[in-house]
PDB file of N, CA and C in Angstrom:
ATOM      1  N   MET A   1     -28.667  19.983 -52.074  1.00  0.00           N
ATOM      2  CA  MET A   1     -28.620  19.951 -50.624  1.00  0.00           C
ATOM      3  C   MET A   1     -30.021  20.226 -50.081  1.00  0.00           C
ATOM      4  N   MET A   2     -30.465  19.395 -49.151  1.00  0.00           N
ATOM      5  CA  MET A   2     -31.808  19.540 -48.602  1.00  0.00           C
ATOM      6  C   MET A   2     -31.873  20.658 -47.568  1.00  0.00           C
ATOM      7  N   LYS A   3     -33.019  21.316 -47.529  1.00  0.00           N
ATOM      8  CA  LYS A   3     -33.270  22.335 -46.517  1.00  0.00           C
ATOM      9  C   LYS A   3     -33.556  21.619 -45.195  1.00  0.00           C
ATOM     10  N   PRO A   4     -33.026  22.141 -44.076  1.00  0.00           N
ATOM     11  CA  PRO A   4     -33.306  21.499 -42.797  1.00  0.00           C
ATOM     12  C   PRO A   4     -34.799  21.506 -42.493  1.00  0.00           C
ATOM     13  N   SER A   5     -35.233  20.512 -41.758  1.00  0.00           N
ATOM     14  CA  SER A   5     -36.616  20.405 -41.320  1.00  0.00           C
ATOM     15  C   SER A   5     -36.983  21.599 -40.459  1.00  0.00           C
ATOM     16  N   SER A   6     -38.278  21.856 -40.304  1.00  0.00           N
ATOM     17  CA  SER A   6     -38.702  22.871 -39.341  1.00  0.00           C
ATOM     18  C   SER A   6     -39.377  22.200 -38.143  1.00  0.00           C
ATOM     19  N   ASP A   7     -39.240  20.884 -38.036  1.00  0.00           N
ATOM     20  CA  ASP A   7     -39.747  20.142 -36.882  1.00  0.00           C
ATOM     21  C   ASP A   7     -38.767  20.337 -35.727  1.00  0.00           C
ATOM     22  N   PRO A   8     -39.219  20.912 -34.613  1.00  0.00           N
ATOM     23  CA  PRO A   8     -38.296  21.224 -33.516  1.00  0.00           C
ATOM     24  C   PRO A   8     -37.509  20.007 -33.010  1.00  0.00           C
ATOM     25  N   LEU A   9     -38.163  18.874 -32.884  1.00  0.00           N
ATOM     26  CA  LEU A   9     -37.461  17.690 -32.360  1.00  0.00           C
ATOM     27  C   LEU A   9     -36.376  17.207 -33.313  1.00  0.00           C
ATOM     28  N   ILE A  10     -36.645  17.259 -34.596  1.00  0.00           N
ATOM     29  CA  ILE A  10     -35.631  16.872 -35.580  1.00  0.00           C
ATOM     30  C   ILE A  10     -34.468  17.869 -35.557  1.00  0.00           C
ATOM     31  N   LEU A  11     -34.791  19.152 -35.467  1.00  0.00           N
ATOM     32  CA  LEU A  11     -33.739  20.173 -35.416  1.00  0.00           C
ATOM     33  C   LEU A  11     -32.875  20.011 -34.166  1.00  0.00           C
ATOM     34  N   ILE A  12     -33.495  19.767 -33.031  1.00  0.00           N
ATOM     35  CA  ILE A  12     -32.741  19.584 -31.779  1.00  0.00           C
ATOM     36  C   ILE A  12     -31.819  18.378 -31.903  1.00  0.00           C
ATOM     37  N   ARG A  13     -32.371  17.256 -32.322  1.00  0.00           N
ATOM     38  CA  ARG A  13     -31.579  16.021 -32.440  1.00  0.00           C
ATOM     39  C   ARG A  13     -30.439  16.202 -33.441  1.00  0.00           C
ATOM     40  N   SER A  14     -30.733  16.814 -34.590  1.00  0.00           N
ATOM     41  CA  SER A  14     -29.710  17.039 -35.609  1.00  0.00           C
ATOM     42  C   SER A  14     -28.617  17.970 -35.085  1.00  0.00           C
ATOM     43  N   TYR A  15     -29.017  19.046 -34.436  1.00  0.00           N
ATOM     44  CA  TYR A  15     -28.059  20.020 -33.914  1.00  0.00           C
ATOM     45  C   TYR A  15     -27.128  19.344 -32.904  1.00  0.00           C
ATOM     46  N   VAL A  16     -27.710  18.590 -31.974  1.00  0.00           N
ATOM     47  CA  VAL A  16     -26.898  17.916 -30.955  1.00  0.00           C
ATOM     48  C   VAL A  16     -25.932  16.935 -31.616  1.00  0.00           C
ATOM     49  N   ASP A  17     -26.415  16.170 -32.593  1.00  0.00           N
ATOM     50  CA  ASP A  17     -25.548  15.211 -33.287  1.00  0.00           C
ATOM     51  C   ASP A  17     -24.411  15.923 -34.020  1.00  0.00           C
ATOM     52  N   TYR A  18     -24.747  16.939 -34.809  1.00  0.00           N
ATOM     53  CA  TYR A  18     -23.734  17.651 -35.587  1.00  0.00           C
ATOM     54  C   TYR A  18     -22.718  18.342 -34.669  1.00  0.00           C
ATOM     55  N   ALA A  19     -23.210  18.974 -33.606  1.00  0.00           N
ATOM     56  CA  ALA A  19     -22.320  19.696 -32.690  1.00  0.00           C
ATOM     57  C   ALA A  19     -21.386  18.737 -31.960  1.00  0.00           C
ATOM     58  N   THR A  20     -21.902  17.585 -31.569  1.00  0.00           N
ATOM     59  CA  THR A  20     -21.077  16.599 -30.872  1.00  0.00           C
ATOM     60  C   THR A  20     -19.971  16.094 -31.790  1.00  0.00           C
ATOM     61  N   ILE A  21     -20.318  15.782 -33.026  1.00  0.00           N
ATOM     62  CA  ILE A  21     -19.318  15.335 -34.006  1.00  0.00           C
ATOM     63  C   ILE A  21     -18.309  16.449 -34.270  1.00  0.00           C
ATOM     64  N   GLU A  22     -18.797  17.693 -34.401  1.00  0.00           N
ATOM     65  CA  GLU A  22     -17.899  18.829 -34.648  1.00  0.00           C
ATOM     66  C   GLU A  22     -16.898  18.977 -33.514  1.00  0.00           C
ATOM     67  N   GLY A  23     -17.362  18.890 -32.282  1.00  0.00           N
ATOM     68  CA  GLY A  23     -16.481  19.034 -31.129  1.00  0.00           C
ATOM     69  C   GLY A  23     -15.429  17.935 -31.069  1.00  0.00           C
ATOM     70  N   GLU A  24     -15.852  16.694 -31.300  1.00  0.00           N
ATOM     71  CA  GLU A  24     -14.908  15.577 -31.297  1.00  0.00           C
ATOM     72  C   GLU A  24     -13.881  15.732 -32.411  1.00  0.00           C
ATOM     73  N   SER A  25     -14.343  16.154 -33.577  1.00  0.00           N
ATOM     74  CA  SER A  25     -13.420  16.298 -34.709  1.00  0.00           C
ATOM     75  C   SER A  25     -12.424  17.432 -34.451  1.00  0.00           C
ATOM     76  N   LYS A  26     -12.869  18.487 -33.785  1.00  0.00           N
ATOM     77  CA  LYS A  26     -11.972  19.596 -33.461  1.00  0.00           C
ATOM     78  C   LYS A  26     -10.879  19.120 -32.503  1.00  0.00           C
ATOM     79  N   LEU A  27     -11.254  18.347 -31.497  1.00  0.00           N
ATOM     80  CA  LEU A  27     -10.278  17.845 -30.526  1.00  0.00           C
ATOM     81  C   LEU A  27      -9.329  16.823 -31.151  1.00  0.00           C
ATOM     82  N   ASN A  28      -9.814  16.093 -32.175  1.00  0.00           N
ATOM     83  CA  ASN A  28      -8.993  15.070 -32.842  1.00  0.00           C
ATOM     84  C   ASN A  28      -8.216  15.613 -34.041  1.00  0.00           C
ATOM     85  N   GLY A  29      -8.452  16.863 -34.402  1.00  0.00           N
ATOM     86  CA  GLY A  29      -7.738  17.458 -35.523  1.00  0.00           C
ATOM     87  C   GLY A  29      -8.319  17.137 -36.891  1.00  0.00           C
ATOM     88  N   ASP A  30      -9.539  16.586 -36.927  1.00  0.00           N
ATOM     89  CA  ASP A  30     -10.183  16.269 -38.208  1.00  0.00           C
ATOM     90  C   ASP A  30     -11.024  17.469 -38.640  1.00  0.00           C
ATOM     91  N   TYR A  31     -10.335  18.488 -39.140  1.00  0.00           N
ATOM     92  CA  TYR A  31     -11.014  19.749 -39.446  1.00  0.00           C
ATOM     93  C   TYR A  31     -11.951  19.649 -40.638  1.00  0.00           C
ATOM     94  N   LYS A  32     -11.675  18.742 -41.570  1.00  0.00           N
ATOM     95  CA  LYS A  32     -12.585  18.589 -42.717  1.00  0.00           C
ATOM     96  C   LYS A  32     -13.961  18.134 -42.252  1.00  0.00           C
ATOM     97  N   LEU A  33     -13.985  17.125 -41.383  1.00  0.00           N
ATOM     98  CA  LEU A  33     -15.261  16.657 -40.843  1.00  0.00           C
ATOM     99  C   LEU A  33     -15.915  17.768 -40.022  1.00  0.00           C
ATOM    100  N   GLY A  34     -15.130  18.447 -39.214  1.00  0.00           N
ATOM    101  CA  GLY A  34     -15.666  19.542 -38.410  1.00  0.00           C
ATOM    102  C   GLY A  34     -16.283  20.634 -39.260  1.00  0.00           C
ATOM    103  N   ASN A  35     -15.615  20.975 -40.340  1.00  0.00           N
ATOM    104  CA  ASN A  35     -16.153  22.012 -41.231  1.00  0.00           C
ATOM    105  C   ASN A  35     -17.462  21.588 -41.881  1.00  0.00           C
ATOM    106  N   ARG A  36     -17.576  20.306 -42.222  1.00  0.00           N
ATOM    107  CA  ARG A  36     -18.849  19.810 -42.782  1.00  0.00           C
ATOM    108  C   ARG A  36     -19.975  19.935 -41.758  1.00  0.00           C
ATOM    109  N   MET A  37     -19.666  19.650 -40.497  1.00  0.00           N
ATOM    110  CA  MET A  37     -20.683  19.755 -39.446  1.00  0.00           C
ATOM    111  C   MET A  37     -21.072  21.218 -39.213  1.00  0.00           C
ATOM    112  N   VAL A  38     -20.098  22.118 -39.268  1.00  0.00           N
ATOM    113  CA  VAL A  38     -20.386  23.549 -39.089  1.00  0.00           C
ATOM    114  C   VAL A  38     -21.325  24.033 -40.186  1.00  0.00           C
ATOM    115  N   LYS A  39     -21.135  23.582 -41.407  1.00  0.00           N
ATOM    116  CA  LYS A  39     -22.032  23.978 -42.500  1.00  0.00           C
ATOM    117  C   LYS A  39     -23.457  23.521 -42.207  1.00  0.00           C
ATOM    118  N   LYS A  40     -23.600  22.302 -41.683  1.00  0.00           N
ATOM    119  CA  LYS A  40     -24.942  21.798 -41.339  1.00  0.00           C
ATOM    120  C   LYS A  40     -25.539  22.600 -40.180  1.00  0.00           C
ATOM    121  N   LEU A  41     -24.713  22.923 -39.190  1.00  0.00           N
ATOM    122  CA  LEU A  41     -25.183  23.736 -38.059  1.00  0.00           C
ATOM    123  C   LEU A  41     -25.603  25.130 -38.528  1.00  0.00           C
ATOM    124  N   ASN A  42     -24.868  25.701 -39.471  1.00  0.00           N
ATOM    125  CA  ASN A  42     -25.232  27.019 -39.995  1.00  0.00           C
ATOM    126  C   ASN A  42     -26.579  26.989 -40.707  1.00  0.00           C
ATOM    127  N   LYS A  43     -26.876  25.892 -41.379  1.00  0.00           N
ATOM    128  CA  LYS A  43     -28.185  25.781 -42.042  1.00  0.00           C
ATOM    129  C   LYS A  43     -29.311  25.751 -41.014  1.00  0.00           C
ATOM    130  N   ILE A  44     -29.075  25.054 -39.908  1.00  0.00           N
ATOM    131  CA  ILE A  44     -30.082  25.041 -38.842  1.00  0.00           C
ATOM    132  C   ILE A  44     -30.227  26.444 -38.260  1.00  0.00           C
ATOM    133  N   PHE A  45     -29.105  27.128 -38.026  1.00  0.00           N
ATOM    134  CA  PHE A  45     -29.169  28.497 -37.506  1.00  0.00           C
ATOM    135  C   PHE A  45     -29.998  29.387 -38.427  1.00  0.00           C
ATOM    136  N   ASN A  46     -29.819  29.247 -39.726  1.00  0.00           N
ATOM    137  CA  ASN A  46     -30.586  30.062 -40.676  1.00  0.00           C
ATOM    138  C   ASN A  46     -32.079  29.820 -40.546  1.00  0.00           C
ATOM    139  N   VAL A  47     -32.475  28.575 -40.306  1.00  0.00           N
ATOM    140  CA  VAL A  47     -33.892  28.264 -40.087  1.00  0.00           C
ATOM    141  C   VAL A  47     -34.371  28.948 -38.805  1.00  0.00           C
ATOM    142  N   LEU A  48     -33.581  28.867 -37.746  1.00  0.00           N
ATOM    143  CA  LEU A  48     -33.958  29.462 -36.463  1.00  0.00           C
ATOM    144  C   LEU A  48     -34.034  30.979 -36.561  1.00  0.00           C
ATOM    145  N   GLN A  49     -33.147  31.551 -37.329  1.00  0.00           N
ATOM    146  CA  GLN A  49     -33.093  33.001 -37.488  1.00  0.00           C
ATOM    147  C   GLN A  49     -34.382  33.536 -38.123  1.00  0.00           C
ATOM    148  N   SER A  50     -35.043  32.719 -38.894  1.00  0.00           N
ATOM    149  CA  SER A  50     -36.244  33.173 -39.594  1.00  0.00           C
ATOM    150  C   SER A  50     -37.539  32.875 -38.831  1.00  0.00           C
ATOM    151  N   ASP A  51     -37.449  32.248 -37.646  1.00  0.00           N
ATOM    152  CA  ASP A  51     -38.654  31.889 -36.895  1.00  0.00           C
ATOM    153  C   ASP A  51     -38.351  31.961 -35.397  1.00  0.00           C
ATOM    154  N   ASP A  52     -38.762  33.062 -34.768  1.00  0.00           N
ATOM    155  CA  ASP A  52     -38.437  33.317 -33.367  1.00  0.00           C
ATOM    156  C   ASP A  52     -38.985  32.237 -32.428  1.00  0.00           C
ATOM    157  N   ASN A  53     -40.216  31.819 -32.644  1.00  0.00           N
ATOM    158  CA  ASN A  53     -40.806  30.797 -31.775  1.00  0.00           C
ATOM    159  C   ASN A  53     -40.051  29.478 -31.893  1.00  0.00           C
ATOM    160  N   LEU A  54     -39.730  29.099 -33.113  1.00  0.00           N
ATOM    161  CA  LEU A  54     -38.970  27.878 -33.341  1.00  0.00           C
ATOM    162  C   LEU A  54     -37.588  27.989 -32.699  1.00  0.00           C
ATOM    163  N   ALA A  55     -36.958  29.143 -32.824  1.00  0.00           N
ATOM    164  CA  ALA A  55     -35.631  29.355 -32.228  1.00  0.00           C
ATOM    165  C   ALA A  55     -35.681  29.150 -30.720  1.00  0.00           C
ATOM    166  N   HIS A  56     -36.674  29.726 -30.058  1.00  0.00           N
ATOM    167  CA  HIS A  56     -36.802  29.563 -28.608  1.00  0.00           C
ATOM    168  C   HIS A  56     -36.964  28.085 -28.237  1.00  0.00           C
ATOM    169  N   GLU A  57     -37.813  27.392 -28.959  1.00  0.00           N
ATOM    170  CA  GLU A  57     -38.078  25.988 -28.650  1.00  0.00           C
ATOM    171  C   GLU A  57     -36.836  25.118 -28.881  1.00  0.00           C
ATOM    172  N   VAL A  58     -36.164  25.329 -30.002  1.00  0.00           N
ATOM    173  CA  VAL A  58     -35.007  24.504 -30.348  1.00  0.00           C
ATOM    174  C   VAL A  58     -33.829  24.792 -29.418  1.00  0.00           C
ATOM    175  N   VAL A  59     -33.538  26.053 -29.170  1.00  0.00           N
ATOM    176  CA  VAL A  59     -32.411  26.379 -28.285  1.00  0.00           C
ATOM    177  C   VAL A  59     -32.672  25.835 -26.879  1.00  0.00           C
ATOM    178  N   ALA A  60     -33.893  25.977 -26.374  1.00  0.00           N
ATOM    179  CA  ALA A  60     -34.217  25.420 -25.049  1.00  0.00           C
ATOM    180  C   ALA A  60     -34.002  23.906 -25.040  1.00  0.00           C
ATOM    181  N   GLY A  61     -34.389  23.236 -26.111  1.00  0.00           N
ATOM    182  CA  GLY A  61     -34.201  21.788 -26.206  1.00  0.00           C
ATOM    183  C   GLY A  61     -32.731  21.400 -26.230  1.00  0.00           C
ATOM    184  N   ILE A  62     -31.926  22.174 -26.932  1.00  0.00           N
ATOM    185  CA  ILE A  62     -30.482  21.887 -26.990  1.00  0.00           C
ATOM    186  C   ILE A  62     -29.851  22.143 -25.625  1.00  0.00           C
ATOM    187  N   PHE A  63     -30.261  23.212 -24.956  1.00  0.00           N
ATOM    188  CA  PHE A  63     -29.736  23.502 -23.618  1.00  0.00           C
ATOM    189  C   PHE A  63     -30.058  22.370 -22.636  1.00  0.00           C
ATOM    190  N   ALA A  64     -31.147  21.636 -22.876  1.00  0.00           N
ATOM    191  CA  ALA A  64     -31.532  20.524 -22.000  1.00  0.00           C
ATOM    192  C   ALA A  64     -30.797  19.225 -22.345  1.00  0.00           C
ATOM    193  N   SER A  65     -30.012  19.222 -23.408  1.00  0.00           N
ATOM    194  CA  SER A  65     -29.313  18.008 -23.833  1.00  0.00           C
ATOM    195  C   SER A  65     -28.119  17.719 -22.929  1.00  0.00           C
ATOM    196  N   ASN A  66     -27.529  16.560 -23.124  1.00  0.00           N
ATOM    197  CA  ASN A  66     -26.339  16.170 -22.359  1.00  0.00           C
ATOM    198  C   ASN A  66     -25.041  16.559 -23.050  1.00  0.00           C
ATOM    199  N   SER A  67     -25.115  17.121 -24.241  1.00  0.00           N
ATOM    200  CA  SER A  67     -23.919  17.444 -25.010  1.00  0.00           C
ATOM    201  C   SER A  67     -23.403  18.838 -24.665  1.00  0.00           C
ATOM    202  N   THR A  68     -22.255  18.881 -24.002  1.00  0.00           N
ATOM    203  CA  THR A  68     -21.654  20.164 -23.661  1.00  0.00           C
ATOM    204  C   THR A  68     -21.340  20.964 -24.921  1.00  0.00           C
ATOM    205  N   ARG A  69     -20.857  20.294 -25.954  1.00  0.00           N
ATOM    206  CA  ARG A  69     -20.517  21.004 -27.192  1.00  0.00           C
ATOM    207  C   ARG A  69     -21.761  21.600 -27.838  1.00  0.00           C
ATOM    208  N   ALA A  70     -22.842  20.832 -27.877  1.00  0.00           N
ATOM    209  CA  ALA A  70     -24.088  21.359 -28.448  1.00  0.00           C
ATOM    210  C   ALA A  70     -24.586  22.551 -27.638  1.00  0.00           C
ATOM    211  N   LYS A  71     -24.513  22.448 -26.325  1.00  0.00           N
ATOM    212  CA  LYS A  71     -24.947  23.566 -25.482  1.00  0.00           C
ATOM    213  C   LYS A  71     -24.095  24.804 -25.750  1.00  0.00           C
ATOM    214  N   GLY A  72     -22.789  24.610 -25.903  1.00  0.00           N
ATOM    215  CA  GLY A  72     -21.899  25.740 -26.150  1.00  0.00           C
ATOM    216  C   GLY A  72     -22.178  26.422 -27.477  1.00  0.00           C
ATOM    217  N   LEU A  73     -22.345  25.631 -28.515  1.00  0.00           N
ATOM    218  CA  LEU A  73     -22.632  26.222 -29.829  1.00  0.00           C
ATOM    219  C   LEU A  73     -24.013  26.861 -29.847  1.00  0.00           C
ATOM    220  N   ALA A  74     -24.975  26.227 -29.175  1.00  0.00           N
ATOM    221  CA  ALA A  74     -26.318  26.811 -29.098  1.00  0.00           C
ATOM    222  C   ALA A  74     -26.296  28.098 -28.277  1.00  0.00           C
ATOM    223  N   ALA A  75     -25.408  28.170 -27.288  1.00  0.00           N
ATOM    224  CA  ALA A  75     -25.289  29.397 -26.492  1.00  0.00           C
ATOM    225  C   ALA A  75     -24.812  30.547 -27.376  1.00  0.00           C
ATOM    226  N   VAL A  76     -23.836  30.270 -28.237  1.00  0.00           N
ATOM    227  CA  VAL A  76     -23.379  31.305 -29.173  1.00  0.00           C
ATOM    228  C   VAL A  76     -24.532  31.707 -30.096  1.00  0.00           C
ATOM    229  N   ASP A  77     -25.257  30.723 -30.607  1.00  0.00           N
ATOM    230  CA  ASP A  77     -26.398  31.034 -31.463  1.00  0.00           C
ATOM    231  C   ASP A  77     -27.452  31.842 -30.705  1.00  0.00           C
ATOM    232  N   ALA A  78     -27.679  31.509 -29.428  1.00  0.00           N
ATOM    233  CA  ALA A  78     -28.654  32.258 -28.629  1.00  0.00           C
ATOM    234  C   ALA A  78     -28.234  33.726 -28.510  1.00  0.00           C
ATOM    235  N   LEU A  79     -26.937  33.953 -28.292  1.00  0.00           N
ATOM    236  CA  LEU A  79     -26.458  35.338 -28.224  1.00  0.00           C
ATOM    237  C   LEU A  79     -26.668  36.042 -29.560  1.00  0.00           C
ATOM    238  N   ARG A  80     -26.403  35.335 -30.649  1.00  0.00           N
ATOM    239  CA  ARG A  80     -26.596  35.917 -31.980  1.00  0.00           C
ATOM    240  C   ARG A  80     -28.070  36.235 -32.238  1.00  0.00           C
ATOM    241  N   LEU A  81     -28.973  35.405 -31.670  1.00  0.00           N
ATOM    242  CA  LEU A  81     -30.413  35.588 -31.858  1.00  0.00           C
ATOM    243  C   LEU A  81     -31.023  36.494 -30.786  1.00  0.00           C
ATOM    244  N   ASN A  82     -30.207  36.873 -29.799  1.00  0.00           N
ATOM    245  CA  ASN A  82     -30.653  37.706 -28.684  1.00  0.00           C
ATOM    246  C   ASN A  82     -31.771  37.038 -27.880  1.00  0.00           C
ATOM    247  N   ILE A  83     -31.597  35.740 -27.587  1.00  0.00           N
ATOM    248  CA  ILE A  83     -32.535  34.991 -26.757  1.00  0.00           C
ATOM    249  C   ILE A  83     -31.743  34.253 -25.676  1.00  0.00           C
ATOM    250  N   TYR A  84     -32.387  33.992 -24.554  1.00  0.00           N
ATOM    251  CA  TYR A  84     -31.775  33.225 -23.451  1.00  0.00           C
ATOM    252  C   TYR A  84     -30.370  33.724 -23.111  1.00  0.00           C
ATOM    253  N   ILE A  85     -30.218  35.035 -23.022  1.00  0.00           N
ATOM    254  CA  ILE A  85     -28.898  35.636 -22.835  1.00  0.00           C
ATOM    255  C   ILE A  85     -28.224  35.139 -21.552  1.00  0.00           C
ATOM    256  N   ASP A  86     -28.918  35.201 -20.423  1.00  0.00           N
ATOM    257  CA  ASP A  86     -28.302  34.806 -19.150  1.00  0.00           C
ATOM    258  C   ASP A  86     -27.853  33.351 -19.169  1.00  0.00           C
ATOM    259  N   GLU A  87     -28.723  32.472 -19.678  1.00  0.00           N
ATOM    260  CA  GLU A  87     -28.381  31.051 -19.758  1.00  0.00           C
ATOM    261  C   GLU A  87     -27.187  30.833 -20.684  1.00  0.00           C
ATOM    262  N   ALA A  88     -27.185  31.528 -21.804  1.00  0.00           N
ATOM    263  CA  ALA A  88     -26.107  31.379 -22.780  1.00  0.00           C
ATOM    264  C   ALA A  88     -24.764  31.810 -22.186  1.00  0.00           C
ATOM    265  N   VAL A  89     -24.752  32.938 -21.505  1.00  0.00           N
ATOM    266  CA  VAL A  89     -23.518  33.421 -20.887  1.00  0.00           C
ATOM    267  C   VAL A  89     -23.039  32.432 -19.824  1.00  0.00           C
ATOM    268  N   ASP A  90     -23.965  31.920 -18.997  1.00  0.00           N
ATOM    269  CA  ASP A  90     -23.587  30.928 -17.973  1.00  0.00           C
ATOM    270  C   ASP A  90     -22.957  29.690 -18.607  1.00  0.00           C
ATOM    271  N   ILE A  91     -23.563  29.188 -19.662  1.00  0.00           N
ATOM    272  CA  ILE A  91     -23.040  27.998 -20.343  1.00  0.00           C
ATOM    273  C   ILE A  91     -21.642  28.276 -20.876  1.00  0.00           C
ATOM    274  N   LEU A  92     -21.472  29.396 -21.579  1.00  0.00           N
ATOM    275  CA  LEU A  92     -20.167  29.718 -22.159  1.00  0.00           C
ATOM    276  C   LEU A  92     -19.113  29.962 -21.084  1.00  0.00           C
ATOM    277  N   GLU A  93     -19.490  30.601 -19.985  1.00  0.00           N
ATOM    278  CA  GLU A  93     -18.524  30.825 -18.902  1.00  0.00           C
ATOM    279  C   GLU A  93     -18.056  29.493 -18.308  1.00  0.00           C
ATOM    280  N   ASN A  94     -18.968  28.541 -18.172  1.00  0.00           N
ATOM    281  CA  ASN A  94     -18.577  27.226 -17.641  1.00  0.00           C
ATOM    282  C   ASN A  94     -17.674  26.479 -18.613  1.00  0.00           C
ATOM    283  N   ILE A  95     -18.009  26.499 -19.883  1.00  0.00           N
ATOM    284  CA  ILE A  95     -17.190  25.805 -20.883  1.00  0.00           C
ATOM    285  C   ILE A  95     -15.830  26.481 -21.018  1.00  0.00           C
ATOM    286  N   ALA A  96     -15.793  27.790 -20.850  1.00  0.00           N
ATOM    287  CA  ALA A  96     -14.540  28.540 -20.975  1.00  0.00           C
ATOM    288  C   ALA A  96     -13.495  28.106 -19.952  1.00  0.00           C
ATOM    289  N   LYS A  97     -13.899  27.421 -18.901  1.00  0.00           N
ATOM    290  CA  LYS A  97     -12.972  26.925 -17.875  1.00  0.00           C
ATOM    291  C   LYS A  97     -12.180  25.709 -18.358  1.00  0.00           C
ATOM    292  N   GLN A  98     -12.654  25.059 -19.429  1.00  0.00           N
ATOM    293  CA  GLN A  98     -11.942  23.897 -19.971  1.00  0.00           C
ATOM    294  C   GLN A  98     -10.592  24.338 -20.527  1.00  0.00           C
ATOM    295  N   ASP A  99      -9.599  23.495 -20.339  1.00  0.00           N
ATOM    296  CA  ASP A  99      -8.253  23.803 -20.807  1.00  0.00           C
ATOM    297  C   ASP A  99      -7.998  23.134 -22.160  1.00  0.00           C
ATOM    298  N   ASP A 100      -8.804  23.509 -23.152  1.00  0.00           N
ATOM    299  CA  ASP A 100      -8.641  22.964 -24.497  1.00  0.00           C
ATOM    300  C   ASP A 100      -9.169  23.971 -25.509  1.00  0.00           C
ATOM    301  N   ILE A 101      -9.150  23.597 -26.770  1.00  0.00           N
ATOM    302  CA  ILE A 101      -9.575  24.498 -27.835  1.00  0.00           C
ATOM    303  C   ILE A 101     -11.058  24.876 -27.701  1.00  0.00           C
ATOM    304  N   ILE A 102     -11.857  23.963 -27.152  1.00  0.00           N
ATOM    305  CA  ILE A 102     -13.287  24.238 -26.962  1.00  0.00           C
ATOM    306  C   ILE A 102     -13.462  25.334 -25.903  1.00  0.00           C
ATOM    307  N   GLY A 103     -12.714  25.231 -24.808  1.00  0.00           N
ATOM    308  CA  GLY A 103     -12.768  26.257 -23.769  1.00  0.00           C
ATOM    309  C   GLY A 103     -12.295  27.604 -24.285  1.00  0.00           C
ATOM    310  N   PHE A 104     -11.219  27.576 -25.057  1.00  0.00           N
ATOM    311  CA  PHE A 104     -10.692  28.808 -25.643  1.00  0.00           C
ATOM    312  C   PHE A 104     -11.726  29.451 -26.566  1.00  0.00           C
ATOM    313  N   GLY A 105     -12.398  28.637 -27.380  1.00  0.00           N
ATOM    314  CA  GLY A 105     -13.429  29.162 -28.278  1.00  0.00           C
ATOM    315  C   GLY A 105     -14.560  29.829 -27.517  1.00  0.00           C
ATOM    316  N   SER A 106     -14.940  29.239 -26.388  1.00  0.00           N
ATOM    317  CA  SER A 106     -15.997  29.837 -25.563  1.00  0.00           C
ATOM    318  C   SER A 106     -15.538  31.159 -24.968  1.00  0.00           C
ATOM    319  N   GLN A 107     -14.271  31.215 -24.520  1.00  0.00           N
ATOM    320  CA  GLN A 107     -13.723  32.480 -24.010  1.00  0.00           C
ATOM    321  C   GLN A 107     -13.779  33.556 -25.090  1.00  0.00           C
ATOM    322  N   MET A 108     -13.359  33.203 -26.285  1.00  0.00           N
ATOM    323  CA  MET A 108     -13.333  34.181 -27.381  1.00  0.00           C
ATOM    324  C   MET A 108     -14.746  34.620 -27.760  1.00  0.00           C
ATOM    325  N   ALA A 109     -15.690  33.691 -27.793  1.00  0.00           N
ATOM    326  CA  ALA A 109     -17.074  34.051 -28.116  1.00  0.00           C
ATOM    327  C   ALA A 109     -17.612  35.068 -27.116  1.00  0.00           C
ATOM    328  N   LEU A 110     -17.342  34.843 -25.835  1.00  0.00           N
ATOM    329  CA  LEU A 110     -17.799  35.790 -24.816  1.00  0.00           C
ATOM    330  C   LEU A 110     -17.123  37.148 -24.980  1.00  0.00           C
ATOM    331  N   ARG A 111     -15.836  37.138 -25.248  1.00  0.00           N
ATOM    332  CA  ARG A 111     -15.112  38.400 -25.405  1.00  0.00           C
ATOM    333  C   ARG A 111     -15.626  39.178 -26.621  1.00  0.00           C
ATOM    334  N   ILE A 112     -15.901  38.484 -27.710  1.00  0.00           N
ATOM    335  CA  ILE A 112     -16.447  39.149 -28.900  1.00  0.00           C
ATOM    336  C   ILE A 112     -17.830  39.702 -28.584  1.00  0.00           C
ATOM    337  N   TRP A 113     -18.677  38.888 -27.946  1.00  0.00           N
ATOM    338  CA  TRP A 113     -20.035  39.317 -27.617  1.00  0.00           C
ATOM    339  C   TRP A 113     -20.014  40.528 -26.691  1.00  0.00           C
ATOM    340  N   ARG A 114     -19.059  40.564 -25.780  1.00  0.00           N
ATOM    341  CA  ARG A 114     -18.963  41.679 -24.829  1.00  0.00           C
ATOM    342  C   ARG A 114     -18.324  42.923 -25.448  1.00  0.00           C
ATOM    343  N   GLY A 115     -17.912  42.838 -26.698  1.00  0.00           N
ATOM    344  CA  GLY A 115     -17.385  43.998 -27.401  1.00  0.00           C
ATOM    345  C   GLY A 115     -15.908  44.270 -27.172  1.00  0.00           C
ATOM    346  N   GLU A 116     -15.170  43.262 -26.715  1.00  0.00           N
ATOM    347  CA  GLU A 116     -13.743  43.456 -26.442  1.00  0.00           C
ATOM    348  C   GLU A 116     -12.903  43.525 -27.707  1.00  0.00           C
ATOM    349  N   PHE A 117     -13.483  43.179 -28.842  1.00  0.00           N
ATOM    350  CA  PHE A 117     -12.781  43.250 -30.125  1.00  0.00           C
ATOM    351  C   PHE A 117     -13.620  44.108 -31.054  1.00  0.00           C
ATOM    352  N   PRO A 118     -13.380  45.411 -31.063  1.00  0.00           N
ATOM    353  CA  PRO A 118     -14.186  46.305 -31.915  1.00  0.00           C
ATOM    354  C   PRO A 118     -14.228  45.834 -33.369  1.00  0.00           C
ATOM    355  N   GLY A 119     -15.422  45.853 -33.915  1.00  0.00           N
ATOM    356  CA  GLY A 119     -15.588  45.453 -35.313  1.00  0.00           C
ATOM    357  C   GLY A 119     -15.868  43.980 -35.503  1.00  0.00           C
ATOM    358  N   LYS A 120     -15.706  43.183 -34.457  1.00  0.00           N
ATOM    359  CA  LYS A 120     -15.958  41.737 -34.562  1.00  0.00           C
ATOM    360  C   LYS A 120     -17.348  41.435 -34.008  1.00  0.00           C
ATOM    361  N   THR A 121     -18.056  40.538 -34.686  1.00  0.00           N
ATOM    362  CA  THR A 121     -19.363  40.097 -34.204  1.00  0.00           C
ATOM    363  C   THR A 121     -19.430  38.586 -34.250  1.00  0.00           C
ATOM    364  N   LEU A 122     -20.327  38.041 -33.463  1.00  0.00           N
ATOM    365  CA  LEU A 122     -20.520  36.580 -33.455  1.00  0.00           C
ATOM    366  C   LEU A 122     -21.197  36.139 -34.723  1.00  0.00           C
TER     367      LEU A 122
END
């Protein structure tokens, strides 16, 4: 398995693509495909976790994308990285209004981040 690039534009494009596919697969019930995309997204997160400047650049780029799912997943990652907190919370609060599994996931992410489930972390 290849290590993700450290080129910000490639990471942004890959993240948006993987997150969009993951969101569609979740809504369609194709959990195998969704799980494969989550593994790829986790590899990108690991790269971002090891480079603060890169994390800021990539998360800002994802927040500027048109993909609501990518923005939502990047918002969770931003909270985990302790960057862009206000923007991340705003994004998740807006997505949480959706009446589907994606909205529910955003609600739960916010509740976990706010400490409503002791012992649980993002």
